[in-house]
């Protein structure tokens, strides 16, 4: 997952997902999100659907040091923040 000043991007192995985002009240508000539409099978498709659902649900941001966790609607995404 990548963040720049106004946009985010994500790829879990098949399609790319991206769009504008902002932080509001400790939540990541993303959208509208766009995605490529390549055919994907198996676990990567399920992970992609989970990431899309999570990002669309304004997940809560939990941060500790260089670790960031996005949590919403039964989904969670753990990220390690790196400079770039």
N, C-alpha and C. Protein backbone atom coordinates (compact mmCIF):
# COMPACT_ATOMS: atom_id res chain seq x y z
N UNK A 1 0.84 -1.16 0.00
CA UNK A 1 0.00 0.00 0.00
C UNK A 1 0.89 1.23 0.00
N UNK A 2 0.51 2.22 -0.79
CA UNK A 2 1.27 3.45 -0.88
C UNK A 2 0.36 4.65 -0.61
N UNK A 3 0.90 5.62 0.09
CA UNK A 3 0.20 6.87 0.35
C UNK A 3 1.06 8.01 -0.16
N UNK A 4 0.47 8.95 -0.87
CA UNK A 4 1.15 10.20 -1.12
C UNK A 4 0.30 11.29 -0.47
N UNK A 5 0.50 12.51 -0.82
CA UNK A 5 -0.17 13.60 -0.12
C UNK A 5 -1.69 13.52 -0.19
N UNK A 6 -2.25 13.12 -1.33
CA UNK A 6 -3.71 13.11 -1.50
C UNK A 6 -4.28 11.78 -1.96
N UNK A 7 -3.44 10.85 -2.40
CA UNK A 7 -3.93 9.60 -3.00
C UNK A 7 -3.30 8.39 -2.32
N UNK A 8 -4.04 7.29 -2.38
CA UNK A 8 -3.50 6.02 -1.91
C UNK A 8 -3.59 5.01 -3.03
N UNK A 9 -2.77 4.00 -2.94
CA UNK A 9 -2.78 2.91 -3.91
C UNK A 9 -2.52 1.61 -3.18
N UNK A 10 -3.14 0.55 -3.66
CA UNK A 10 -2.95 -0.77 -3.04
C UNK A 10 -2.94 -1.84 -4.12
N UNK A 11 -2.15 -2.88 -3.89
CA UNK A 11 -2.13 -4.03 -4.79
C UNK A 11 -1.76 -5.24 -3.94
N UNK A 12 -2.63 -6.26 -3.98
CA UNK A 12 -2.35 -7.47 -3.20
C UNK A 12 -1.97 -8.64 -4.10
N UNK A 13 -1.63 -8.34 -5.36
CA UNK A 13 -1.12 -9.39 -6.23
C UNK A 13 -1.81 -9.54 -7.56
N UNK A 14 -2.91 -8.86 -7.79
CA UNK A 14 -3.60 -8.99 -9.08
C UNK A 14 -3.99 -7.61 -9.60
N UNK A 15 -5.02 -7.02 -9.06
CA UNK A 15 -5.50 -5.72 -9.51
C UNK A 15 -4.98 -4.60 -8.62
N UNK A 16 -4.89 -3.41 -9.19
CA UNK A 16 -4.54 -2.23 -8.44
C UNK A 16 -5.80 -1.50 -8.00
N UNK A 17 -5.77 -0.92 -6.81
CA UNK A 17 -6.87 -0.14 -6.25
C UNK A 17 -6.29 1.22 -5.89
N UNK A 18 -7.00 2.29 -6.16
CA UNK A 18 -6.49 3.60 -5.80
C UNK A 18 -7.55 4.67 -5.79
N UNK A 19 -7.22 5.78 -5.17
CA UNK A 19 -8.12 6.92 -5.14
C UNK A 19 -7.67 7.93 -4.11
N UNK A 20 -8.44 8.98 -3.98
CA UNK A 20 -8.15 10.03 -3.01
C UNK A 20 -8.47 9.53 -1.61
N UNK A 21 -7.81 10.15 -0.62
CA UNK A 21 -8.10 9.81 0.77
C UNK A 21 -7.88 11.04 1.64
N UNK A 22 -8.42 10.96 2.85
CA UNK A 22 -8.15 11.95 3.89
C UNK A 22 -8.29 11.24 5.24
N UNK A 23 -7.73 11.83 6.26
CA UNK A 23 -7.88 11.32 7.62
C UNK A 23 -8.85 12.24 8.33
N UNK A 24 -9.90 11.65 8.91
CA UNK A 24 -10.95 12.42 9.56
C UNK A 24 -11.34 11.72 10.85
N UNK A 25 -11.07 12.34 11.98
CA UNK A 25 -11.46 11.77 13.26
C UNK A 25 -10.85 10.41 13.54
N UNK A 26 -9.59 10.20 13.15
CA UNK A 26 -8.93 8.92 13.39
C UNK A 26 -9.33 7.82 12.43
N UNK A 27 -10.02 8.19 11.35
CA UNK A 27 -10.43 7.21 10.34
C UNK A 27 -9.85 7.58 8.98
N UNK A 28 -9.57 6.58 8.18
CA UNK A 28 -9.11 6.76 6.82
C UNK A 28 -10.33 6.77 5.91
N UNK A 29 -10.62 7.92 5.33
CA UNK A 29 -11.77 8.06 4.45
C UNK A 29 -11.24 8.07 3.02
N UNK A 30 -11.52 7.01 2.28
CA UNK A 30 -10.99 6.86 0.91
C UNK A 30 -12.12 6.83 -0.10
N UNK A 31 -11.86 7.42 -1.25
CA UNK A 31 -12.81 7.29 -2.32
C UNK A 31 -13.11 8.61 -3.01
N UNK A 32 -13.69 8.47 -4.17
CA UNK A 32 -14.07 7.19 -4.77
C UNK A 32 -12.83 6.40 -5.18
N UNK A 33 -12.91 5.09 -4.99
CA UNK A 33 -11.81 4.20 -5.35
C UNK A 33 -12.03 3.62 -6.74
N UNK A 34 -10.95 3.48 -7.47
CA UNK A 34 -10.99 2.84 -8.78
C UNK A 34 -10.10 1.60 -8.72
N UNK A 35 -10.42 0.62 -9.54
CA UNK A 35 -9.61 -0.60 -9.57
C UNK A 35 -9.51 -1.12 -10.99
N UNK A 36 -8.38 -1.76 -11.28
CA UNK A 36 -8.29 -2.47 -12.54
C UNK A 36 -9.18 -3.70 -12.44
N UNK A 37 -9.48 -4.33 -13.55
CA UNK A 37 -10.44 -5.43 -13.54
C UNK A 37 -9.91 -6.69 -14.24
N UNK A 38 -8.72 -7.11 -13.84
CA UNK A 38 -8.18 -8.35 -14.38
C UNK A 38 -8.82 -9.52 -13.65
N UNK A 39 -8.95 -10.65 -14.33
CA UNK A 39 -9.50 -11.85 -13.72
C UNK A 39 -8.47 -12.43 -12.75
N UNK A 40 -8.89 -12.70 -11.53
CA UNK A 40 -8.03 -13.26 -10.49
C UNK A 40 -8.76 -14.43 -9.84
N UNK A 41 -8.00 -15.43 -9.44
CA UNK A 41 -8.59 -16.59 -8.79
C UNK A 41 -7.95 -16.83 -7.43
N UNK A 42 -8.65 -17.60 -6.62
CA UNK A 42 -8.10 -18.08 -5.36
C UNK A 42 -7.93 -17.03 -4.29
N UNK A 43 -6.96 -17.27 -3.39
CA UNK A 43 -6.78 -16.42 -2.23
C UNK A 43 -6.51 -14.95 -2.56
N UNK A 44 -5.80 -14.67 -3.65
CA UNK A 44 -5.51 -13.28 -3.99
C UNK A 44 -6.80 -12.51 -4.27
N UNK A 45 -7.78 -13.15 -4.89
CA UNK A 45 -9.06 -12.50 -5.16
C UNK A 45 -9.78 -12.19 -3.85
N UNK A 46 -9.77 -13.14 -2.93
CA UNK A 46 -10.43 -12.93 -1.63
C UNK A 46 -9.73 -11.83 -0.84
N UNK A 47 -8.41 -11.78 -0.88
CA UNK A 47 -7.68 -10.72 -0.19
C UNK A 47 -7.98 -9.36 -0.81
N UNK A 48 -8.05 -9.33 -2.12
CA UNK A 48 -8.37 -8.09 -2.83
C UNK A 48 -9.75 -7.56 -2.44
N UNK A 49 -10.72 -8.45 -2.40
CA UNK A 49 -12.07 -8.06 -2.00
C UNK A 49 -12.10 -7.54 -0.56
N UNK A 50 -11.32 -8.19 0.32
CA UNK A 50 -11.27 -7.76 1.73
C UNK A 50 -10.62 -6.38 1.85
N UNK A 51 -9.53 -6.13 1.11
CA UNK A 51 -8.88 -4.82 1.15
C UNK A 51 -9.81 -3.75 0.61
N UNK A 52 -10.49 -4.02 -0.48
CA UNK A 52 -11.43 -3.06 -1.06
C UNK A 52 -12.57 -2.75 -0.07
N UNK A 53 -13.11 -3.79 0.56
CA UNK A 53 -14.18 -3.58 1.55
C UNK A 53 -13.67 -2.77 2.74
N UNK A 54 -12.47 -3.06 3.19
CA UNK A 54 -11.89 -2.33 4.32
C UNK A 54 -11.70 -0.85 3.98
N UNK A 55 -11.10 -0.57 2.84
CA UNK A 55 -10.84 0.82 2.46
C UNK A 55 -12.13 1.58 2.21
N UNK A 56 -13.16 0.92 1.74
CA UNK A 56 -14.44 1.57 1.47
C UNK A 56 -15.25 1.85 2.74
N UNK A 57 -14.85 1.24 3.86
CA UNK A 57 -15.62 1.33 5.11
C UNK A 57 -15.07 2.35 6.10
N UNK A 58 -14.21 3.27 5.66
CA UNK A 58 -13.61 4.29 6.54
C UNK A 58 -13.02 3.65 7.79
N UNK A 59 -11.97 2.83 7.62
CA UNK A 59 -11.41 2.12 8.76
C UNK A 59 -10.76 3.04 9.78
N UNK A 60 -10.78 2.59 11.04
CA UNK A 60 -10.09 3.27 12.12
C UNK A 60 -8.59 3.07 11.94
N UNK A 61 -7.82 4.12 12.18
CA UNK A 61 -6.37 4.04 12.08
C UNK A 61 -5.80 3.85 13.49
N UNK A 62 -5.02 2.78 13.67
CA UNK A 62 -4.32 2.53 14.92
C UNK A 62 -2.84 2.54 14.58
N UNK A 63 -2.07 3.39 15.26
CA UNK A 63 -0.65 3.51 14.93
C UNK A 63 0.21 3.38 16.17
N UNK A 64 1.30 2.62 16.04
CA UNK A 64 2.27 2.46 17.11
C UNK A 64 3.65 2.40 16.48
N UNK A 65 4.45 3.45 16.66
CA UNK A 65 5.77 3.50 16.05
C UNK A 65 5.64 3.44 14.54
N UNK A 66 6.32 2.48 13.91
CA UNK A 66 6.26 2.35 12.46
C UNK A 66 5.18 1.37 11.99
N UNK A 67 4.38 0.88 12.93
CA UNK A 67 3.29 -0.04 12.58
C UNK A 67 1.97 0.72 12.51
N UNK A 68 1.17 0.40 11.51
CA UNK A 68 -0.16 0.99 11.36
C UNK A 68 -1.15 -0.12 11.07
N UNK A 69 -2.28 -0.07 11.73
CA UNK A 69 -3.34 -1.06 11.54
C UNK A 69 -4.60 -0.32 11.14
N UNK A 70 -5.27 -0.80 10.08
CA UNK A 70 -6.56 -0.28 9.65
C UNK A 70 -7.60 -1.31 10.02
N UNK A 71 -8.66 -0.91 10.73
CA UNK A 71 -9.66 -1.85 11.24
C UNK A 71 -11.06 -1.33 10.97
N UNK A 72 -11.92 -2.19 10.39
CA UNK A 72 -13.33 -1.85 10.19
C UNK A 72 -14.09 -3.07 9.70
N UNK A 73 -15.31 -3.22 10.16
CA UNK A 73 -16.23 -4.22 9.63
C UNK A 73 -15.71 -5.64 9.61
N UNK A 74 -14.97 -6.06 10.62
CA UNK A 74 -14.48 -7.43 10.65
C UNK A 74 -13.21 -7.66 9.85
N UNK A 75 -12.67 -6.61 9.22
CA UNK A 75 -11.43 -6.72 8.46
C UNK A 75 -10.36 -5.89 9.16
N UNK A 76 -9.11 -6.33 9.03
CA UNK A 76 -7.98 -5.56 9.55
C UNK A 76 -6.82 -5.71 8.58
N UNK A 77 -6.04 -4.66 8.47
CA UNK A 77 -4.87 -4.66 7.59
C UNK A 77 -3.70 -4.11 8.40
N UNK A 78 -2.64 -4.90 8.56
CA UNK A 78 -1.45 -4.47 9.28
C UNK A 78 -0.41 -4.01 8.28
N UNK A 79 0.13 -2.80 8.51
CA UNK A 79 1.12 -2.22 7.62
C UNK A 79 2.35 -1.81 8.40
N UNK A 80 3.51 -1.90 7.78
CA UNK A 80 4.75 -1.40 8.34
C UNK A 80 5.10 -0.16 7.55
N UNK A 81 5.18 0.98 8.23
CA UNK A 81 5.44 2.24 7.55
C UNK A 81 6.92 2.38 7.23
N UNK A 82 7.22 2.74 5.99
CA UNK A 82 8.59 2.96 5.56
C UNK A 82 8.67 4.30 4.85
N UNK A 83 9.79 4.93 4.90
CA UNK A 83 9.99 6.20 4.21
C UNK A 83 10.09 5.99 2.71
N UNK A 84 9.87 7.02 1.97
CA UNK A 84 9.96 6.84 0.53
C UNK A 84 9.85 8.08 -0.15
